[in-house]
Amino acid sequence: MDQKSTEKLFAGLSPEQQKQVQNILADQNKTQQILQTPQAQALLKKLMGENHNG
């Protein structure tokens, strides 16, 4: 994630929420756990588009 993307993500978050997100992103295990959830999978699918997989 580049600096501008991070700034956009954090723009609507409180300082405590920003800290939580930074901690999650810094921990590869936590990040992987989150990415495996059905909610994250649905969001990624929506963001990348249904046809992105081939």
N, C-alpha and C. Protein backbone atom coordinates (compact mmCIF):
# COMPACT_ATOMS: atom_id res chain seq x y z
N MET A 1 0.86 -1.17 0.00
CA MET A 1 0.00 0.00 0.00
C MET A 1 0.90 1.23 0.00
N ASP A 2 0.65 2.16 -0.92
CA ASP A 2 1.50 3.34 -0.98
C ASP A 2 1.03 4.40 0.01
N GLN A 3 1.82 5.45 0.16
CA GLN A 3 1.55 6.49 1.16
C GLN A 3 0.21 7.17 0.93
N LYS A 4 -0.13 7.51 -0.32
CA LYS A 4 -1.40 8.19 -0.60
C LYS A 4 -2.58 7.30 -0.28
N SER A 5 -2.48 6.01 -0.59
CA SER A 5 -3.57 5.08 -0.27
C SER A 5 -3.77 4.99 1.23
N THR A 6 -2.67 4.94 1.96
CA THR A 6 -2.74 4.88 3.41
C THR A 6 -3.38 6.14 3.97
N GLU A 7 -3.00 7.29 3.44
CA GLU A 7 -3.57 8.56 3.91
C GLU A 7 -5.07 8.61 3.65
N LYS A 8 -5.51 8.15 2.48
CA LYS A 8 -6.94 8.12 2.17
C LYS A 8 -7.68 7.19 3.11
N LEU A 9 -7.09 6.03 3.38
CA LEU A 9 -7.71 5.06 4.28
C LEU A 9 -7.86 5.65 5.67
N PHE A 10 -6.83 6.33 6.15
CA PHE A 10 -6.83 6.85 7.50
C PHE A 10 -7.62 8.15 7.66
N ALA A 11 -7.96 8.81 6.58
CA ALA A 11 -8.61 10.11 6.65
C ALA A 11 -9.91 10.08 7.46
N GLY A 12 -10.67 9.02 7.34
CA GLY A 12 -11.94 8.95 8.04
C GLY A 12 -11.89 8.21 9.37
N LEU A 13 -10.70 7.87 9.83
CA LEU A 13 -10.57 7.10 11.06
C LEU A 13 -10.08 7.96 12.22
N SER A 14 -10.49 7.57 13.41
CA SER A 14 -9.99 8.23 14.61
C SER A 14 -8.54 7.81 14.82
N PRO A 15 -7.80 8.55 15.64
CA PRO A 15 -6.41 8.14 15.93
C PRO A 15 -6.32 6.72 16.48
N GLU A 16 -7.26 6.31 17.31
CA GLU A 16 -7.24 4.94 17.86
C GLU A 16 -7.48 3.92 16.76
N GLN A 17 -8.42 4.19 15.85
CA GLN A 17 -8.67 3.29 14.73
C GLN A 17 -7.46 3.22 13.81
N GLN A 18 -6.80 4.34 13.59
CA GLN A 18 -5.60 4.36 12.76
C GLN A 18 -4.53 3.47 13.36
N LYS A 19 -4.37 3.55 14.68
CA LYS A 19 -3.37 2.73 15.37
C LYS A 19 -3.70 1.24 15.22
N GLN A 20 -4.98 0.89 15.35
CA GLN A 20 -5.40 -0.49 15.21
C GLN A 20 -5.12 -1.02 13.81
N VAL A 21 -5.43 -0.23 12.80
CA VAL A 21 -5.19 -0.65 11.42
C VAL A 21 -3.69 -0.82 11.17
N GLN A 22 -2.90 0.11 11.66
CA GLN A 22 -1.45 0.01 11.49
C GLN A 22 -0.91 -1.26 12.14
N ASN A 23 -1.41 -1.58 13.33
CA ASN A 23 -0.97 -2.79 14.02
C ASN A 23 -1.35 -4.05 13.24
N ILE A 24 -2.54 -4.07 12.69
CA ILE A 24 -2.98 -5.23 11.91
C ILE A 24 -2.13 -5.38 10.66
N LEU A 25 -1.92 -4.27 9.94
CA LEU A 25 -1.15 -4.34 8.70
C LEU A 25 0.31 -4.71 8.96
N ALA A 26 0.82 -4.37 10.14
CA ALA A 26 2.20 -4.69 10.48
C ALA A 26 2.38 -6.16 10.84
N ASP A 27 1.28 -6.83 11.20
CA ASP A 27 1.33 -8.23 11.61
C ASP A 27 0.81 -9.10 10.48
N GLN A 28 1.72 -9.80 9.81
CA GLN A 28 1.35 -10.60 8.64
C GLN A 28 0.31 -11.66 8.97
N ASN A 29 0.39 -12.27 10.14
CA ASN A 29 -0.59 -13.29 10.52
C ASN A 29 -1.99 -12.71 10.66
N LYS A 30 -2.09 -11.54 11.31
CA LYS A 30 -3.39 -10.89 11.45
C LYS A 30 -3.96 -10.50 10.09
N THR A 31 -3.08 -9.97 9.24
CA THR A 31 -3.52 -9.56 7.90
C THR A 31 -4.05 -10.77 7.13
N GLN A 32 -3.36 -11.89 7.18
CA GLN A 32 -3.80 -13.09 6.48
C GLN A 32 -5.12 -13.60 7.04
N GLN A 33 -5.28 -13.56 8.35
CA GLN A 33 -6.53 -14.00 8.97
C GLN A 33 -7.70 -13.15 8.48
N ILE A 34 -7.50 -11.87 8.41
CA ILE A 34 -8.56 -10.97 7.96
C ILE A 34 -8.88 -11.21 6.49
N LEU A 35 -7.84 -11.38 5.66
CA LEU A 35 -8.06 -11.58 4.23
C LEU A 35 -8.77 -12.89 3.92
N GLN A 36 -8.75 -13.83 4.85
CA GLN A 36 -9.41 -15.11 4.63
C GLN A 36 -10.89 -15.09 5.00
N THR A 37 -11.36 -14.00 5.62
CA THR A 37 -12.77 -13.95 6.02
C THR A 37 -13.66 -13.79 4.79
N PRO A 38 -14.88 -14.30 4.86
CA PRO A 38 -15.81 -14.13 3.73
C PRO A 38 -16.06 -12.66 3.39
N GLN A 39 -16.09 -11.81 4.41
CA GLN A 39 -16.33 -10.38 4.17
C GLN A 39 -15.19 -9.75 3.37
N ALA A 40 -13.96 -10.10 3.73
CA ALA A 40 -12.81 -9.56 3.01
C ALA A 40 -12.76 -10.10 1.59
N GLN A 41 -13.07 -11.39 1.43
CA GLN A 41 -13.08 -11.99 0.10
C GLN A 41 -14.12 -11.31 -0.78
N ALA A 42 -15.30 -11.03 -0.23
CA ALA A 42 -16.35 -10.36 -0.99
C ALA A 42 -15.93 -8.94 -1.37
N LEU A 43 -15.31 -8.24 -0.45
CA LEU A 43 -14.86 -6.88 -0.73
C LEU A 43 -13.78 -6.87 -1.81
N LEU A 44 -12.81 -7.78 -1.69
CA LEU A 44 -11.76 -7.86 -2.71
C LEU A 44 -12.33 -8.19 -4.08
N LYS A 45 -13.28 -9.10 -4.11
CA LYS A 45 -13.91 -9.48 -5.36
C LYS A 45 -14.62 -8.27 -5.99
N LYS A 46 -15.30 -7.51 -5.14
CA LYS A 46 -16.01 -6.32 -5.62
C LYS A 46 -15.03 -5.27 -6.12
N LEU A 47 -13.96 -5.04 -5.37
CA LEU A 47 -12.97 -4.03 -5.75
C LEU A 47 -12.22 -4.38 -7.02
N MET A 48 -11.92 -5.66 -7.20
CA MET A 48 -11.15 -6.08 -8.37
C MET A 48 -12.04 -6.43 -9.55
N GLY A 49 -13.30 -6.62 -9.32
CA GLY A 49 -14.20 -6.98 -10.40
C GLY A 49 -14.27 -8.48 -10.57
N GLU A 50 -15.42 -8.97 -10.93
CA GLU A 50 -15.64 -10.40 -11.09
C GLU A 50 -14.74 -11.02 -12.15
N ASN A 51 -14.42 -10.29 -13.21
CA ASN A 51 -13.66 -10.84 -14.33
C ASN A 51 -12.16 -10.81 -14.13
N HIS A 52 -11.70 -10.28 -12.99
CA HIS A 52 -10.25 -10.15 -12.75
C HIS A 52 -9.56 -11.50 -12.63
N ASN A 53 -10.27 -12.52 -12.19
CA ASN A 53 -9.66 -13.83 -11.97
C ASN A 53 -9.41 -14.62 -13.25
N GLY A 54 -9.86 -14.13 -14.36
CA GLY A 54 -9.56 -14.85 -15.59
C GLY A 54 -10.77 -15.05 -16.36
